[in-house]
């Protein structure tokens, strides 16, 4: 063995499997579908506000100079519903991934 050759006895890393391209497509669909569903849900909530007595629209959020005076309320509800739906899909994905694909033990695990 020559004097200046680099030699290491490290444990070779196991390559991670590549993500299937279909999952990227599903993620793209969710990025479009969840805000669209949230917008529809916020419109349904605002149109049926009298059926939900605990939900109050503050008068400060009503803007009379626009054609739709409840635009700020729609944006707020759409954002909140989107955040909840994104959180639920990530939680479900995390739970299913931990059940179906448990972490493999490495060489340093006991």
PDB file of N, CA and C in Angstrom:
ATOM      1  N   UNK A   1       0.840  -1.167   0.000  1.00  0.00           N
ATOM      2  CA  UNK A   1       0.000   0.000   0.000  1.00  0.00           C
ATOM      3  C   UNK A   1       0.892   1.239   0.000  1.00  0.00           C
ATOM      4  N   UNK A   2       0.654   2.167  -0.932  1.00  0.00           N
ATOM      5  CA  UNK A   2       1.491   3.362  -1.008  1.00  0.00           C
ATOM      6  C   UNK A   2       1.336   4.259   0.216  1.00  0.00           C
ATOM      7  N   UNK A   3       2.296   5.134   0.377  1.00  0.00           N
ATOM      8  CA  UNK A   3       2.344   5.981   1.557  1.00  0.00           C
ATOM      9  C   UNK A   3       1.230   7.037   1.589  1.00  0.00           C
ATOM     10  N   UNK A   4       0.852   7.614   0.471  1.00  0.00           N
ATOM     11  CA  UNK A   4      -0.087   8.731   0.456  1.00  0.00           C
ATOM     12  C   UNK A   4      -1.483   8.350  -0.027  1.00  0.00           C
ATOM     13  N   UNK A   5      -1.845   7.115   0.027  1.00  0.00           N
ATOM     14  CA  UNK A   5      -3.169   6.690  -0.394  1.00  0.00           C
ATOM     15  C   UNK A   5      -4.135   6.812   0.788  1.00  0.00           C
ATOM     16  N   UNK A   6      -5.325   7.323   0.512  1.00  0.00           N
ATOM     17  CA  UNK A   6      -6.340   7.478   1.556  1.00  0.00           C
ATOM     18  C   UNK A   6      -7.041   6.138   1.734  1.00  0.00           C
ATOM     19  N   UNK A   7      -7.133   5.729   2.996  1.00  0.00           N
ATOM     20  CA  UNK A   7      -7.800   4.472   3.292  1.00  0.00           C
ATOM     21  C   UNK A   7      -8.716   4.698   4.485  1.00  0.00           C
ATOM     22  N   UNK A   8      -9.935   4.276   4.351  1.00  0.00           N
ATOM     23  CA  UNK A   8     -10.862   4.421   5.473  1.00  0.00           C
ATOM     24  C   UNK A   8     -11.622   3.116   5.653  1.00  0.00           C
ATOM     25  N   UNK A   9     -11.921   2.815   6.881  1.00  0.00           N
ATOM     26  CA  UNK A   9     -12.666   1.608   7.196  1.00  0.00           C
ATOM     27  C   UNK A   9     -14.085   1.942   7.620  1.00  0.00           C
ATOM     28  N   UNK A  10     -14.630   2.999   7.135  1.00  0.00           N
ATOM     29  CA  UNK A  10     -15.991   3.379   7.499  1.00  0.00           C
ATOM     30  C   UNK A  10     -17.011   2.373   6.983  1.00  0.00           C
ATOM     31  N   UNK A  11     -18.107   2.320   7.682  1.00  0.00           N
ATOM     32  CA  UNK A  11     -19.185   1.427   7.265  1.00  0.00           C
ATOM     33  C   UNK A  11     -19.879   2.069   6.070  1.00  0.00           C
ATOM     34  N   UNK A  12     -20.033   1.327   4.994  1.00  0.00           N
ATOM     35  CA  UNK A  12     -20.683   1.939   3.830  1.00  0.00           C
ATOM     36  C   UNK A  12     -22.137   2.286   4.138  1.00  0.00           C
ATOM     37  N   UNK A  13     -22.528   3.462   3.691  1.00  0.00           N
ATOM     38  CA  UNK A  13     -23.898   3.907   3.921  1.00  0.00           C
ATOM     39  C   UNK A  13     -24.847   3.192   2.972  1.00  0.00           C
ATOM     40  N   UNK A  14     -25.980   2.840   3.512  1.00  0.00           N
ATOM     41  CA  UNK A  14     -27.000   2.194   2.695  1.00  0.00           C
ATOM     42  C   UNK A  14     -27.741   3.286   1.932  1.00  0.00           C
ATOM     43  N   UNK A  15     -27.787   3.205   0.601  1.00  0.00           N
ATOM     44  CA  UNK A  15     -28.469   4.265  -0.149  1.00  0.00           C
ATOM     45  C   UNK A  15     -29.978   4.246   0.112  1.00  0.00           C
ATOM     46  N   UNK A  16     -30.531   5.434   0.226  1.00  0.00           N
ATOM     47  CA  UNK A  16     -31.972   5.550   0.426  1.00  0.00           C
ATOM     48  C   UNK A  16     -32.691   5.220  -0.872  1.00  0.00           C
ATOM     49  N   UNK A  17     -33.810   4.542  -0.763  1.00  0.00           N
ATOM     50  CA  UNK A  17     -34.558   4.284  -1.993  1.00  0.00           C
ATOM     51  C   UNK A  17     -35.166   5.581  -2.524  1.00  0.00           C
ATOM     52  N   UNK A  18     -35.210   5.692  -3.823  1.00  0.00           N
ATOM     53  CA  UNK A  18     -35.749   6.904  -4.441  1.00  0.00           C
ATOM     54  C   UNK A  18     -37.269   6.944  -4.281  1.00  0.00           C
ATOM     55  N   UNK A  19     -37.795   8.139  -4.171  1.00  0.00           N
ATOM     56  CA  UNK A  19     -39.240   8.319  -4.053  1.00  0.00           C
ATOM     57  C   UNK A  19     -39.866   8.081  -5.421  1.00  0.00           C
ATOM     58  N   UNK A  20     -40.943   7.336  -5.405  1.00  0.00           N
ATOM     59  CA  UNK A  20     -41.639   7.048  -6.663  1.00  0.00           C
ATOM     60  C   UNK A  20     -42.226   8.346  -7.220  1.00  0.00           C
ATOM     61  N   UNK A  21     -42.137   8.579  -8.525  1.00  0.00           N
ATOM     62  CA  UNK A  21     -42.642   9.830  -9.105  1.00  0.00           C
ATOM     63  C   UNK A  21     -44.141  10.046  -8.912  1.00  0.00           C
ATOM     64  N   UNK A  22     -44.883   8.976  -8.678  1.00  0.00           N
ATOM     65  CA  UNK A  22     -46.325   9.138  -8.467  1.00  0.00           C
ATOM     66  C   UNK A  22     -46.612   9.942  -7.207  1.00  0.00           C
ATOM     67  N   UNK A  23     -45.747   9.838  -6.195  1.00  0.00           N
ATOM     68  CA  UNK A  23     -45.968  10.592  -4.965  1.00  0.00           C
ATOM     69  C   UNK A  23     -45.805  12.086  -5.184  1.00  0.00           C
ATOM     70  N   UNK A  24     -44.946  12.474  -6.116  1.00  0.00           N
ATOM     71  CA  UNK A  24     -44.827  13.900  -6.441  1.00  0.00           C
ATOM     72  C   UNK A  24     -46.107  14.407  -7.086  1.00  0.00           C
ATOM     73  N   UNK A  25     -46.698  13.583  -7.937  1.00  0.00           N
ATOM     74  CA  UNK A  25     -47.965  13.960  -8.567  1.00  0.00           C
ATOM     75  C   UNK A  25     -49.088  14.074  -7.560  1.00  0.00           C
ATOM     76  N   UNK A  26     -49.110  13.150  -6.599  1.00  0.00           N
ATOM     77  CA  UNK A  26     -50.142  13.205  -5.559  1.00  0.00           C
ATOM     78  C   UNK A  26     -49.956  14.455  -4.705  1.00  0.00           C
ATOM     79  N   UNK A  27     -48.721  14.797  -4.388  1.00  0.00           N
ATOM     80  CA  UNK A  27     -48.463  16.018  -3.619  1.00  0.00           C
ATOM     81  C   UNK A  27     -48.886  17.264  -4.375  1.00  0.00           C
ATOM     82  N   UNK A  28     -48.656  17.281  -5.677  1.00  0.00           N
ATOM     83  CA  UNK A  28     -49.074  18.423  -6.494  1.00  0.00           C
ATOM     84  C   UNK A  28     -50.598  18.532  -6.531  1.00  0.00           C
ATOM     85  N   UNK A  29     -51.257  17.394  -6.641  1.00  0.00           N
ATOM     86  CA  UNK A  29     -52.729  17.396  -6.641  1.00  0.00           C
ATOM     87  C   UNK A  29     -53.254  17.914  -5.307  1.00  0.00           C
ATOM     88  N   UNK A  30     -52.639  17.480  -4.193  1.00  0.00           N
ATOM     89  CA  UNK A  30     -53.067  17.964  -2.879  1.00  0.00           C
ATOM     90  C   UNK A  30     -52.825  19.457  -2.720  1.00  0.00           C
ATOM     91  N   UNK A  31     -51.734  19.981  -3.307  1.00  0.00           N
ATOM     92  CA  UNK A  31     -51.457  21.406  -3.203  1.00  0.00           C
ATOM     93  C   UNK A  31     -52.505  22.251  -3.916  1.00  0.00           C
ATOM     94  N   UNK A  32     -53.173  21.673  -4.906  1.00  0.00           N
ATOM     95  CA  UNK A  32     -54.232  22.392  -5.609  1.00  0.00           C
ATOM     96  C   UNK A  32     -55.591  22.075  -5.007  1.00  0.00           C
ATOM     97  N   UNK A  33     -55.798  20.818  -4.629  1.00  0.00           N
ATOM     98  CA  UNK A  33     -57.106  20.357  -4.173  1.00  0.00           C
ATOM     99  C   UNK A  33     -57.473  20.901  -2.790  1.00  0.00           C
ATOM    100  N   UNK A  34     -56.540  20.922  -1.870  1.00  0.00           N
ATOM    101  CA  UNK A  34     -56.851  21.355  -0.505  1.00  0.00           C
ATOM    102  C   UNK A  34     -57.259  22.832  -0.438  1.00  0.00           C
ATOM    103  N   UNK A  35     -56.553  23.767  -1.068  1.00  0.00           N
ATOM    104  CA  UNK A  35     -57.056  25.150  -1.045  1.00  0.00           C
ATOM    105  C   UNK A  35     -58.396  25.318  -1.766  1.00  0.00           C
ATOM    106  N   UNK A  36     -58.616  24.553  -2.845  1.00  0.00           N
ATOM    107  CA  UNK A  36     -59.906  24.647  -3.535  1.00  0.00           C
ATOM    108  C   UNK A  36     -61.035  24.143  -2.645  1.00  0.00           C
ATOM    109  N   UNK A  37     -60.813  23.028  -1.963  1.00  0.00           N
ATOM    110  CA  UNK A  37     -61.826  22.522  -1.038  1.00  0.00           C
ATOM    111  C   UNK A  37     -62.022  23.473   0.136  1.00  0.00           C
ATOM    112  N   UNK A  38     -60.959  24.102   0.577  1.00  0.00           N
ATOM    113  CA  UNK A  38     -61.062  25.060   1.673  1.00  0.00           C
ATOM    114  C   UNK A  38     -61.866  26.291   1.262  1.00  0.00           C
ATOM    115  N   UNK A  39     -61.676  26.734   0.030  1.00  0.00           N
ATOM    116  CA  UNK A  39     -62.454  27.869  -0.459  1.00  0.00           C
ATOM    117  C   UNK A  39     -63.938  27.515  -0.550  1.00  0.00           C
ATOM    118  N   UNK A  40     -64.234  26.324  -1.046  1.00  0.00           N
ATOM    119  CA  UNK A  40     -65.627  25.883  -1.098  1.00  0.00           C
ATOM    120  C   UNK A  40     -66.224  25.764   0.298  1.00  0.00           C
ATOM    121  N   UNK A  41     -65.456  25.218   1.224  1.00  0.00           N
ATOM    122  CA  UNK A  41     -65.957  25.080   2.598  1.00  0.00           C
ATOM    123  C   UNK A  41     -66.179  26.441   3.249  1.00  0.00           C
ATOM    124  N   UNK A  42     -65.283  27.392   3.017  1.00  0.00           N
ATOM    125  CA  UNK A  42     -65.477  28.718   3.603  1.00  0.00           C
ATOM    126  C   UNK A  42     -66.693  29.417   3.006  1.00  0.00           C
ATOM    127  N   UNK A  43     -66.941  29.209   1.717  1.00  0.00           N
ATOM    128  CA  UNK A  43     -68.147  29.785   1.113  1.00  0.00           C
ATOM    129  C   UNK A  43     -69.403  29.165   1.699  1.00  0.00           C
ATOM    130  N   UNK A  44     -69.390  27.857   1.920  1.00  0.00           N
ATOM    131  CA  UNK A  44     -70.551  27.195   2.528  1.00  0.00           C
ATOM    132  C   UNK A  44     -70.767  27.702   3.949  1.00  0.00           C
ATOM    133  N   UNK A  45     -69.688  27.859   4.701  1.00  0.00           N
ATOM    134  CA  UNK A  45     -69.803  28.352   6.078  1.00  0.00           C
ATOM    135  C   UNK A  45     -70.359  29.773   6.095  1.00  0.00           C
ATOM    136  N   UNK A  46     -69.857  30.631   5.230  1.00  0.00           N
ATOM    137  CA  UNK A  46     -70.321  32.023   5.223  1.00  0.00           C
ATOM    138  C   UNK A  46     -71.765  32.124   4.740  1.00  0.00           C
ATOM    139  N   UNK A  47     -72.134  31.313   3.752  1.00  0.00           N
ATOM    140  CA  UNK A  47     -73.513  31.362   3.259  1.00  0.00           C
ATOM    141  C   UNK A  47     -74.501  30.794   4.260  1.00  0.00           C
ATOM    142  N   UNK A  48     -74.071  29.898   5.133  1.00  0.00           N
ATOM    143  CA  UNK A  48     -74.953  29.307   6.142  1.00  0.00           C
ATOM    144  C   UNK A  48     -74.551  29.741   7.547  1.00  0.00           C
ATOM    145  N   UNK A  49     -74.186  30.997   7.694  1.00  0.00           N
ATOM    146  CA  UNK A  49     -73.697  31.500   8.971  1.00  0.00           C
ATOM    147  C   UNK A  49     -74.783  31.489  10.042  1.00  0.00           C
ATOM    148  N   UNK A  50     -76.039  31.561   9.649  1.00  0.00           N
ATOM    149  CA  UNK A  50     -77.117  31.565  10.643  1.00  0.00           C
ATOM    150  C   UNK A  50     -77.317  30.192  11.285  1.00  0.00           C
ATOM    151  N   UNK A  51     -76.808  29.131  10.662  1.00  0.00           N
ATOM    152  CA  UNK A  51     -76.910  27.791  11.233  1.00  0.00           C
ATOM    153  C   UNK A  51     -75.828  27.516  12.270  1.00  0.00           C
ATOM    154  N   UNK A  52     -74.804  28.351  12.305  1.00  0.00           N
ATOM    155  CA  UNK A  52     -73.701  28.174  13.248  1.00  0.00           C
ATOM    156  C   UNK A  52     -73.704  29.376  14.192  1.00  0.00           C
ATOM    157  N   UNK A  53     -74.390  29.262  15.329  1.00  0.00           N
ATOM    158  CA  UNK A  53     -74.533  30.447  16.201  1.00  0.00           C
ATOM    159  C   UNK A  53     -73.247  30.871  16.895  1.00  0.00           C
ATOM    160  N   UNK A  54     -72.301  29.980  17.090  1.00  0.00           N
ATOM    161  CA  UNK A  54     -71.076  30.340  17.801  1.00  0.00           C
ATOM    162  C   UNK A  54     -70.052  31.005  16.893  1.00  0.00           C
ATOM    163  N   UNK A  55     -70.304  31.022  15.590  1.00  0.00           N
ATOM    164  CA  UNK A  55     -69.383  31.628  14.638  1.00  0.00           C
ATOM    165  C   UNK A  55     -69.832  33.061  14.358  1.00  0.00           C
ATOM    166  N   UNK A  56     -69.004  34.002  14.745  1.00  0.00           N
ATOM    167  CA  UNK A  56     -69.360  35.419  14.625  1.00  0.00           C
ATOM    168  C   UNK A  56     -68.393  36.095  13.658  1.00  0.00           C
ATOM    169  N   UNK A  57     -68.949  36.903  12.750  1.00  0.00           N
ATOM    170  CA  UNK A  57     -68.119  37.693  11.842  1.00  0.00           C
ATOM    171  C   UNK A  57     -68.003  39.099  12.430  1.00  0.00           C
ATOM    172  N   UNK A  58     -66.785  39.520  12.793  1.00  0.00           N
ATOM    173  CA  UNK A  58     -66.631  40.864  13.348  1.00  0.00           C
ATOM    174  C   UNK A  58     -66.913  41.937  12.299  1.00  0.00           C
ATOM    175  N   UNK A  59     -67.470  43.024  12.745  1.00  0.00           N
ATOM    176  CA  UNK A  59     -67.806  44.112  11.814  1.00  0.00           C
ATOM    177  C   UNK A  59     -66.548  44.777  11.248  1.00  0.00           C
ATOM    178  N   UNK A  60     -65.417  44.639  11.912  1.00  0.00           N
ATOM    179  CA  UNK A  60     -64.164  45.212  11.412  1.00  0.00           C
ATOM    180  C   UNK A  60     -63.676  44.491  10.162  1.00  0.00           C
ATOM    181  N   UNK A  61     -64.096  43.255   9.964  1.00  0.00           N
ATOM    182  CA  UNK A  61     -63.637  42.482   8.805  1.00  0.00           C
ATOM    183  C   UNK A  61     -64.547  42.661   7.591  1.00  0.00           C
ATOM    184  N   UNK A  62     -65.593  43.420   7.719  1.00  0.00           N
ATOM    185  CA  UNK A  62     -66.479  43.687   6.584  1.00  0.00           C
ATOM    186  C   UNK A  62     -65.991  44.942   5.876  1.00  0.00           C
ATOM    187  N   UNK A  63     -65.636  44.787   4.614  1.00  0.00           N
ATOM    188  CA  UNK A  63     -65.097  45.893   3.815  1.00  0.00           C
ATOM    189  C   UNK A  63     -66.160  46.269   2.791  1.00  0.00           C
ATOM    190  N   UNK A  64     -66.709  47.447   2.903  1.00  0.00           N
ATOM    191  CA  UNK A  64     -67.830  47.841   2.042  1.00  0.00           C
ATOM    192  C   UNK A  64     -67.397  48.367   0.677  1.00  0.00           C
ATOM    193  N   UNK A  65     -66.135  48.696   0.504  1.00  0.00           N
ATOM    194  CA  UNK A  65     -65.717  49.269  -0.776  1.00  0.00           C
ATOM    195  C   UNK A  65     -65.482  48.228  -1.870  1.00  0.00           C
ATOM    196  N   UNK A  66     -65.464  46.949  -1.519  1.00  0.00           N
ATOM    197  CA  UNK A  66     -65.309  45.881  -2.515  1.00  0.00           C
ATOM    198  C   UNK A  66     -66.674  45.362  -2.935  1.00  0.00           C
ATOM    199  N   UNK A  67     -66.695  44.666  -4.077  1.00  0.00           N
ATOM    200  CA  UNK A  67     -67.966  44.082  -4.526  1.00  0.00           C
ATOM    201  C   UNK A  67     -68.421  42.966  -3.589  1.00  0.00           C
ATOM    202  N   UNK A  68     -67.461  42.259  -2.987  1.00  0.00           N
ATOM    203  CA  UNK A  68     -67.777  41.252  -1.975  1.00  0.00           C
ATOM    204  C   UNK A  68     -67.300  41.780  -0.625  1.00  0.00           C
ATOM    205  N   UNK A  69     -68.204  42.248   0.225  1.00  0.00           N
ATOM    206  CA  UNK A  69     -67.759  42.841   1.497  1.00  0.00           C
ATOM    207  C   UNK A  69     -67.163  41.826   2.473  1.00  0.00           C
ATOM    208  N   UNK A  70     -67.378  40.537   2.252  1.00  0.00           N
ATOM    209  CA  UNK A  70     -66.855  39.517   3.161  1.00  0.00           C
ATOM    210  C   UNK A  70     -65.579  38.858   2.631  1.00  0.00           C
ATOM    211  N   UNK A  71     -64.842  39.544   1.779  1.00  0.00           N
ATOM    212  CA  UNK A  71     -63.650  38.947   1.169  1.00  0.00           C
ATOM    213  C   UNK A  71     -62.578  38.614   2.211  1.00  0.00           C
ATOM    214  N   UNK A  72     -62.400  39.458   3.208  1.00  0.00           N
ATOM    215  CA  UNK A  72     -61.413  39.179   4.250  1.00  0.00           C
ATOM    216  C   UNK A  72     -61.808  37.970   5.093  1.00  0.00           C
ATOM    217  N   UNK A  73     -63.092  37.810   5.332  1.00  0.00           N
ATOM    218  CA  UNK A  73     -63.581  36.665   6.094  1.00  0.00           C
ATOM    219  C   UNK A  73     -63.371  35.387   5.285  1.00  0.00           C
ATOM    220  N   UNK A  74     -63.640  35.459   3.983  1.00  0.00           N
ATOM    221  CA  UNK A  74     -63.421  34.284   3.125  1.00  0.00           C
ATOM    222  C   UNK A  74     -61.944  33.897   3.085  1.00  0.00           C
ATOM    223  N   UNK A  75     -61.070  34.882   2.993  1.00  0.00           N
ATOM    224  CA  UNK A  75     -59.632  34.605   2.972  1.00  0.00           C
ATOM    225  C   UNK A  75     -59.185  33.994   4.305  1.00  0.00           C
ATOM    226  N   UNK A  76     -59.673  34.535   5.412  1.00  0.00           N
ATOM    227  CA  UNK A  76     -59.304  34.016   6.725  1.00  0.00           C
ATOM    228  C   UNK A  76     -59.784  32.575   6.908  1.00  0.00           C
ATOM    229  N   UNK A  77     -61.047  32.325   6.593  1.00  0.00           N
ATOM    230  CA  UNK A  77     -61.582  30.964   6.742  1.00  0.00           C
ATOM    231  C   UNK A  77     -60.888  29.989   5.789  1.00  0.00           C
ATOM    232  N   UNK A  78     -60.611  30.414   4.569  1.00  0.00           N
ATOM    233  CA  UNK A  78     -59.912  29.540   3.621  1.00  0.00           C
ATOM    234  C   UNK A  78     -58.524  29.191   4.135  1.00  0.00           C
ATOM    235  N   UNK A  79     -57.818  30.169   4.682  1.00  0.00           N
ATOM    236  CA  UNK A  79     -56.480  29.916   5.222  1.00  0.00           C
ATOM    237  C   UNK A  79     -56.529  28.967   6.410  1.00  0.00           C
ATOM    238  N   UNK A  80     -57.458  29.193   7.322  1.00  0.00           N
ATOM    239  CA  UNK A  80     -57.555  28.338   8.502  1.00  0.00           C
ATOM    240  C   UNK A  80     -57.944  26.904   8.139  1.00  0.00           C
ATOM    241  N   UNK A  81     -58.902  26.748   7.246  1.00  0.00           N
ATOM    242  CA  UNK A  81     -59.317  25.411   6.838  1.00  0.00           C
ATOM    243  C   UNK A  81     -58.198  24.717   6.078  1.00  0.00           C
ATOM    244  N   UNK A  82     -57.463  25.455   5.250  1.00  0.00           N
ATOM    245  CA  UNK A  82     -56.322  24.870   4.531  1.00  0.00           C
ATOM    246  C   UNK A  82     -55.258  24.375   5.502  1.00  0.00           C
ATOM    247  N   UNK A  83     -54.936  25.181   6.501  1.00  0.00           N
ATOM    248  CA  UNK A  83     -53.943  24.769   7.480  1.00  0.00           C
ATOM    249  C   UNK A  83     -54.371  23.510   8.223  1.00  0.00           C
ATOM    250  N   UNK A  84     -55.630  23.436   8.600  1.00  0.00           N
ATOM    251  CA  UNK A  84     -56.129  22.248   9.296  1.00  0.00           C
ATOM    252  C   UNK A  84     -56.064  21.024   8.382  1.00  0.00           C
ATOM    253  N   UNK A  85     -56.467  21.175   7.120  1.00  0.00           N
ATOM    254  CA  UNK A  85     -56.439  20.035   6.201  1.00  0.00           C
ATOM    255  C   UNK A  85     -55.007  19.591   5.893  1.00  0.00           C
ATOM    256  N   UNK A  86     -54.086  20.540   5.709  1.00  0.00           N
ATOM    257  CA  UNK A  86     -52.689  20.174   5.493  1.00  0.00           C
ATOM    258  C   UNK A  86     -52.119  19.464   6.724  1.00  0.00           C
ATOM    259  N   UNK A  87     -52.468  19.938   7.909  1.00  0.00           N
ATOM    260  CA  UNK A  87     -52.009  19.289   9.131  1.00  0.00           C
ATOM    261  C   UNK A  87     -52.562  17.867   9.227  1.00  0.00           C
ATOM    262  N   UNK A  88     -53.835  17.682   8.935  1.00  0.00           N
ATOM    263  CA  UNK A  88     -54.431  16.345   9.015  1.00  0.00           C
ATOM    264  C   UNK A  88     -53.817  15.388   7.994  1.00  0.00           C
ATOM    265  N   UNK A  89     -53.584  15.853   6.766  1.00  0.00           N
ATOM    266  CA  UNK A  89     -52.979  14.962   5.773  1.00  0.00           C
ATOM    267  C   UNK A  89     -51.543  14.611   6.158  1.00  0.00           C
ATOM    268  N   UNK A  90     -50.776  15.580   6.718  1.00  0.00           N
ATOM    269  CA  UNK A  90     -49.421  15.222   7.139  1.00  0.00           C
ATOM    270  C   UNK A  90     -49.433  14.295   8.339  1.00  0.00           C
ATOM    271  N   UNK A  91     -50.382  14.467   9.248  1.00  0.00           N
ATOM    272  CA  UNK A  91     -50.472  13.584  10.405  1.00  0.00           C
ATOM    273  C   UNK A  91     -50.834  12.166   9.975  1.00  0.00           C
ATOM    274  N   UNK A  92     -51.797  12.040   9.089  1.00  0.00           N
ATOM    275  CA  UNK A  92     -52.190  10.724   8.590  1.00  0.00           C
ATOM    276  C   UNK A  92     -51.041  10.082   7.825  1.00  0.00           C
ATOM    277  N   UNK A  93     -50.353  10.854   7.008  1.00  0.00           N
ATOM    278  CA  UNK A  93     -49.207  10.327   6.269  1.00  0.00           C
ATOM    279  C   UNK A  93     -48.107   9.866   7.216  1.00  0.00           C
ATOM    280  N   UNK A  94     -47.830  10.638   8.255  1.00  0.00           N
ATOM    281  CA  UNK A  94     -46.805  10.264   9.221  1.00  0.00           C
ATOM    282  C   UNK A  94     -47.169   8.975   9.944  1.00  0.00           C
ATOM    283  N   UNK A  95     -48.411   8.859  10.379  1.00  0.00           N
ATOM    284  CA  UNK A  95     -48.843   7.655  11.100  1.00  0.00           C
ATOM    285  C   UNK A  95     -48.789   6.435  10.188  1.00  0.00           C
ATOM    286  N   UNK A  96     -49.296   6.569   8.971  1.00  0.00           N
ATOM    287  CA  UNK A  96     -49.256   5.433   8.049  1.00  0.00           C
ATOM    288  C   UNK A  96     -47.824   5.048   7.689  1.00  0.00           C
ATOM    289  N   UNK A  97     -46.956   6.030   7.513  1.00  0.00           N
ATOM    290  CA  UNK A  97     -45.564   5.736   7.192  1.00  0.00           C
ATOM    291  C   UNK A  97     -44.867   5.029   8.346  1.00  0.00           C
ATOM    292  N   UNK A  98     -45.169   5.422   9.577  1.00  0.00           N
ATOM    293  CA  UNK A  98     -44.527   4.763  10.715  1.00  0.00           C
ATOM    294  C   UNK A  98     -45.067   3.351  10.928  1.00  0.00           C
ATOM    295  N   UNK A  99     -46.304   3.093  10.529  1.00  0.00           N
ATOM    296  CA  UNK A  99     -46.863   1.744  10.659  1.00  0.00           C
ATOM    297  C   UNK A  99     -46.355   0.840   9.538  1.00  0.00           C
ATOM    298  N   UNK A 100     -46.414   1.322   8.319  1.00  0.00           N
ATOM    299  CA  UNK A 100     -46.081   0.496   7.163  1.00  0.00           C
ATOM    300  C   UNK A 100     -44.567   0.366   6.978  1.00  0.00           C
ATOM    301  N   UNK A 101     -43.835   1.427   7.254  1.00  0.00           N
ATOM    302  CA  UNK A 101     -42.405   1.451   6.970  1.00  0.00           C
ATOM    303  C   UNK A 101     -41.634   1.837   8.236  1.00  0.00           C
ATOM    304  N   UNK A 102     -41.481   0.911   9.192  1.00  0.00           N
ATOM    305  CA  UNK A 102     -40.775   1.286  10.432  1.00  0.00           C
ATOM    306  C   UNK A 102     -39.294   1.534  10.161  1.00  0.00           C
ATOM    307  N   UNK A 103     -38.679   2.288  11.058  1.00  0.00           N
ATOM    308  CA  UNK A 103     -37.267   2.635  10.910  1.00  0.00           C
ATOM    309  C   UNK A 103     -36.410   1.377  11.027  1.00  0.00           C
ATOM    310  N   UNK A 104     -35.507   1.216  10.067  1.00  0.00           N
ATOM    311  CA  UNK A 104     -34.630   0.068  10.107  1.00  0.00           C
ATOM    312  C   UNK A 104     -33.477   0.310  11.067  1.00  0.00           C
ATOM    313  N   UNK A 105     -33.069  -0.741  11.735  1.00  0.00           N
ATOM    314  CA  UNK A 105     -31.965  -0.633  12.691  1.00  0.00           C
ATOM    315  C   UNK A 105     -30.645  -0.510  11.952  1.00  0.00           C
ATOM    316  N   UNK A 106     -29.822   0.388  12.412  1.00  0.00           N
ATOM    317  CA  UNK A 106     -28.503   0.570  11.822  1.00  0.00           C
ATOM    318  C   UNK A 106     -27.458  -0.262  12.556  1.00  0.00           C
ATOM    319  N   UNK A 107     -26.218  -0.164  12.141  1.00  0.00           N
ATOM    320  CA  UNK A 107     -25.173  -0.962  12.772  1.00  0.00           C
ATOM    321  C   UNK A 107     -24.828  -0.505  14.190  1.00  0.00           C
ATOM    322  N   UNK A 108     -25.188   0.726  14.567  1.00  0.00           N
ATOM    323  CA  UNK A 108     -24.864   1.231  15.884  1.00  0.00           C
ATOM    324  C   UNK A 108     -26.039   1.148  16.846  1.00  0.00           C
ATOM    325  N   UNK A 109     -27.194   0.659  16.393  1.00  0.00           N
ATOM    326  CA  UNK A 109     -28.346   0.506  17.279  1.00  0.00           C
ATOM    327  C   UNK A 109     -28.196  -0.736  18.134  1.00  0.00           C
ATOM    328  N   UNK A 110     -28.745  -0.664  19.327  1.00  0.00           N
ATOM    329  CA  UNK A 110     -28.667  -1.815  20.246  1.00  0.00           C
ATOM    330  C   UNK A 110     -29.892  -2.679  20.067  1.00  0.00           C
TER     331      UNK A 110
END
